[in-house]
Amino acid sequence: METTTQTPVASTKRLWAGRILSTIAALFMIFDGVMHILMPPAVVEGFTKAGWPLSTARPIAIIELLCLTLYLIPRTSVLGAVLLTGYLGGAVAVNVRQLLPLFGYVLAPVYVALFLWGGLYLRDARLREIFPIRW
């Protein structure tokens, strides 16, 4: 049986890379949630084009920020990542329905999800044990 040992430098670099990815994704999600609460003209226009009632903007933002809070708490981070993946999948569906450009709009939530999961994967050894990447 092959065993690998992680050097402290490698594990420290992986941890910090994970923290950076998670922070970038979290900052984006915070910005998005706050914008839905403040409802500037761009949000109003986006909801109108999507056919969503503007009255749903704040409840959606609250759900997003609650899921993000779960993601940021280490004990509930996997649950938060799963819930945020569902949230971001809904964003993809709304963008596809509007026939928005693939790379500029449709895949943007996928990129955020990759940052969320990538950051969590790099930070959480338990997740790496469940889904090992073998080179």
Protein backbone atom coordinates (compact mmCIF):
# COMPACT_ATOMS: atom_id res chain seq x y z
CA MET A 1 0.00 0.00 0.00
CA GLU A 2 1.34 3.39 -0.98
CA THR A 3 1.39 6.09 1.63
CA THR A 4 2.01 9.74 1.05
CA THR A 5 2.98 12.29 3.59
CA GLN A 6 2.27 15.94 3.27
CA THR A 7 5.05 18.32 4.07
CA PRO A 8 4.05 21.22 6.32
CA VAL A 9 4.89 23.67 3.51
CA ALA A 10 2.62 21.87 1.03
CA SER A 11 -0.27 21.69 3.47
CA THR A 12 0.17 25.35 4.45
CA LYS A 13 0.18 26.44 0.81
CA ARG A 14 -2.91 24.33 0.10
CA LEU A 15 -4.70 25.79 3.12
CA TRP A 16 -3.94 29.36 2.06
CA ALA A 17 -4.90 28.69 -1.55
CA GLY A 18 -8.21 27.32 -0.27
CA ARG A 19 -8.76 30.32 1.94
CA ILE A 20 -8.07 32.68 -0.95
CA LEU A 21 -10.47 30.88 -3.31
CA SER A 22 -13.15 30.75 -0.62
CA THR A 23 -12.69 34.42 0.23
CA ILE A 24 -13.01 35.52 -3.40
CA ALA A 25 -16.21 33.50 -3.80
CA ALA A 26 -17.59 34.69 -0.45
CA LEU A 27 -16.90 38.35 -1.26
CA PHE A 28 -18.71 37.96 -4.57
CA MET A 29 -21.68 36.31 -2.85
CA ILE A 30 -21.78 39.04 -0.17
CA PHE A 31 -21.69 41.73 -2.85
CA ASP A 32 -24.48 39.98 -4.78
CA GLY A 33 -26.65 39.59 -1.67
CA VAL A 34 -26.17 43.19 -0.58
CA MET A 35 -27.02 44.44 -4.08
CA HIS A 36 -30.26 42.43 -3.99
CA ILE A 37 -31.13 44.03 -0.66
CA LEU A 38 -30.28 47.58 -1.77
CA MET A 39 -31.94 47.10 -5.19
CA PRO A 40 -29.98 49.58 -7.34
CA PRO A 41 -31.30 50.19 -10.89
CA ALA A 42 -29.21 47.33 -12.33
CA VAL A 43 -30.91 44.83 -10.01
CA VAL A 44 -34.35 46.23 -10.81
CA GLU A 45 -33.58 45.94 -14.52
CA GLY A 46 -32.23 42.41 -14.13
CA PHE A 47 -35.29 41.20 -12.23
CA THR A 48 -37.60 42.86 -14.76
CA LYS A 49 -35.81 41.21 -17.71
CA ALA A 50 -35.88 37.85 -15.95
CA GLY A 51 -39.60 38.18 -15.31
CA TRP A 52 -39.19 37.95 -11.54
CA PRO A 53 -41.25 40.18 -9.23
CA LEU A 54 -39.00 42.76 -7.56
CA SER A 55 -40.54 41.77 -4.23
CA THR A 56 -38.54 38.51 -4.41
CA ALA A 57 -35.14 40.25 -4.48
CA ARG A 58 -34.75 40.65 -0.73
CA PRO A 59 -35.96 37.15 0.25
CA ILE A 60 -33.61 35.67 -2.35
CA ALA A 61 -30.75 37.76 -0.91
CA ILE A 62 -31.53 36.59 2.61
CA ILE A 63 -31.52 32.95 1.49
CA GLU A 64 -28.22 33.51 -0.34
CA LEU A 65 -26.58 35.14 2.67
CA LEU A 66 -27.86 32.45 5.06
CA CYS A 67 -26.42 29.73 2.81
CA LEU A 68 -23.16 31.67 2.63
CA THR A 69 -23.10 31.89 6.43
CA LEU A 70 -23.40 28.10 6.60
CA TYR A 71 -20.53 27.83 4.11
CA LEU A 72 -18.30 30.10 6.18
CA ILE A 73 -18.82 28.13 9.41
CA PRO A 74 -16.34 25.21 9.31
CA ARG A 75 -18.75 22.67 10.86
CA THR A 76 -21.48 23.43 8.28
CA SER A 77 -19.32 24.38 5.30
CA VAL A 78 -20.21 21.33 3.18
CA LEU A 79 -23.94 21.90 3.74
CA GLY A 80 -23.46 25.56 2.81
CA ALA A 81 -21.57 24.59 -0.34
CA VAL A 82 -24.33 22.18 -1.37
CA LEU A 83 -27.04 24.81 -0.79
CA LEU A 84 -25.05 27.49 -2.62
CA THR A 85 -24.55 25.08 -5.53
CA GLY A 86 -28.33 24.78 -5.78
CA TYR A 87 -28.70 28.55 -5.59
CA LEU A 88 -26.09 29.08 -8.30
CA GLY A 89 -27.67 26.36 -10.44
CA GLY A 90 -30.88 28.37 -10.33
CA ALA A 91 -28.93 31.41 -11.49
CA VAL A 92 -27.61 29.40 -14.44
CA ALA A 93 -31.16 28.32 -15.31
CA VAL A 94 -32.44 31.91 -15.22
CA ASN A 95 -29.57 33.05 -17.45
CA VAL A 96 -30.15 30.22 -19.94
CA ARG A 97 -33.87 31.02 -20.04
CA GLN A 98 -33.04 34.61 -20.97
CA LEU A 99 -30.71 33.41 -23.77
CA LEU A 100 -27.80 35.36 -22.29
CA PRO A 101 -24.25 34.86 -23.63
CA LEU A 102 -22.66 31.63 -22.43
CA PHE A 103 -19.29 32.89 -21.19
CA GLY A 104 -20.29 36.33 -19.95
CA TYR A 105 -23.39 35.39 -18.01
CA VAL A 106 -24.53 31.76 -18.11
CA LEU A 107 -21.28 30.25 -16.80
CA ALA A 108 -20.52 32.99 -14.25
CA PRO A 109 -22.38 31.16 -11.44
CA VAL A 110 -20.52 27.96 -12.38
CA TYR A 111 -17.21 29.78 -11.91
CA VAL A 112 -18.32 30.97 -8.47
CA ALA A 113 -19.34 27.41 -7.55
CA LEU A 114 -15.93 26.14 -8.68
CA PHE A 115 -14.26 28.68 -6.40
CA LEU A 116 -16.54 27.70 -3.50
CA TRP A 117 -15.91 23.97 -3.89
CA GLY A 118 -12.26 24.36 -4.85
CA GLY A 119 -11.59 26.49 -1.78
CA LEU A 120 -13.42 24.05 0.46
CA TYR A 121 -11.63 21.07 -1.08
CA LEU A 122 -8.25 22.64 -0.44
CA ARG A 123 -9.18 23.62 3.14
CA ASP A 124 -10.96 20.46 4.30
CA ALA A 125 -9.04 17.18 4.59
CA ARG A 126 -12.28 15.25 5.21
CA LEU A 127 -13.61 16.34 1.82
CA ARG A 128 -10.34 15.27 0.17
CA GLU A 129 -10.70 11.85 1.81
CA ILE A 130 -14.22 11.42 0.43
CA PHE A 131 -13.27 12.65 -3.06
CA PRO A 132 -9.58 11.87 -3.53
CA ILE A 133 -7.80 13.10 -6.63
CA ARG A 134 -5.19 10.60 -7.70
CA TRP A 135 -2.49 11.72 -10.13
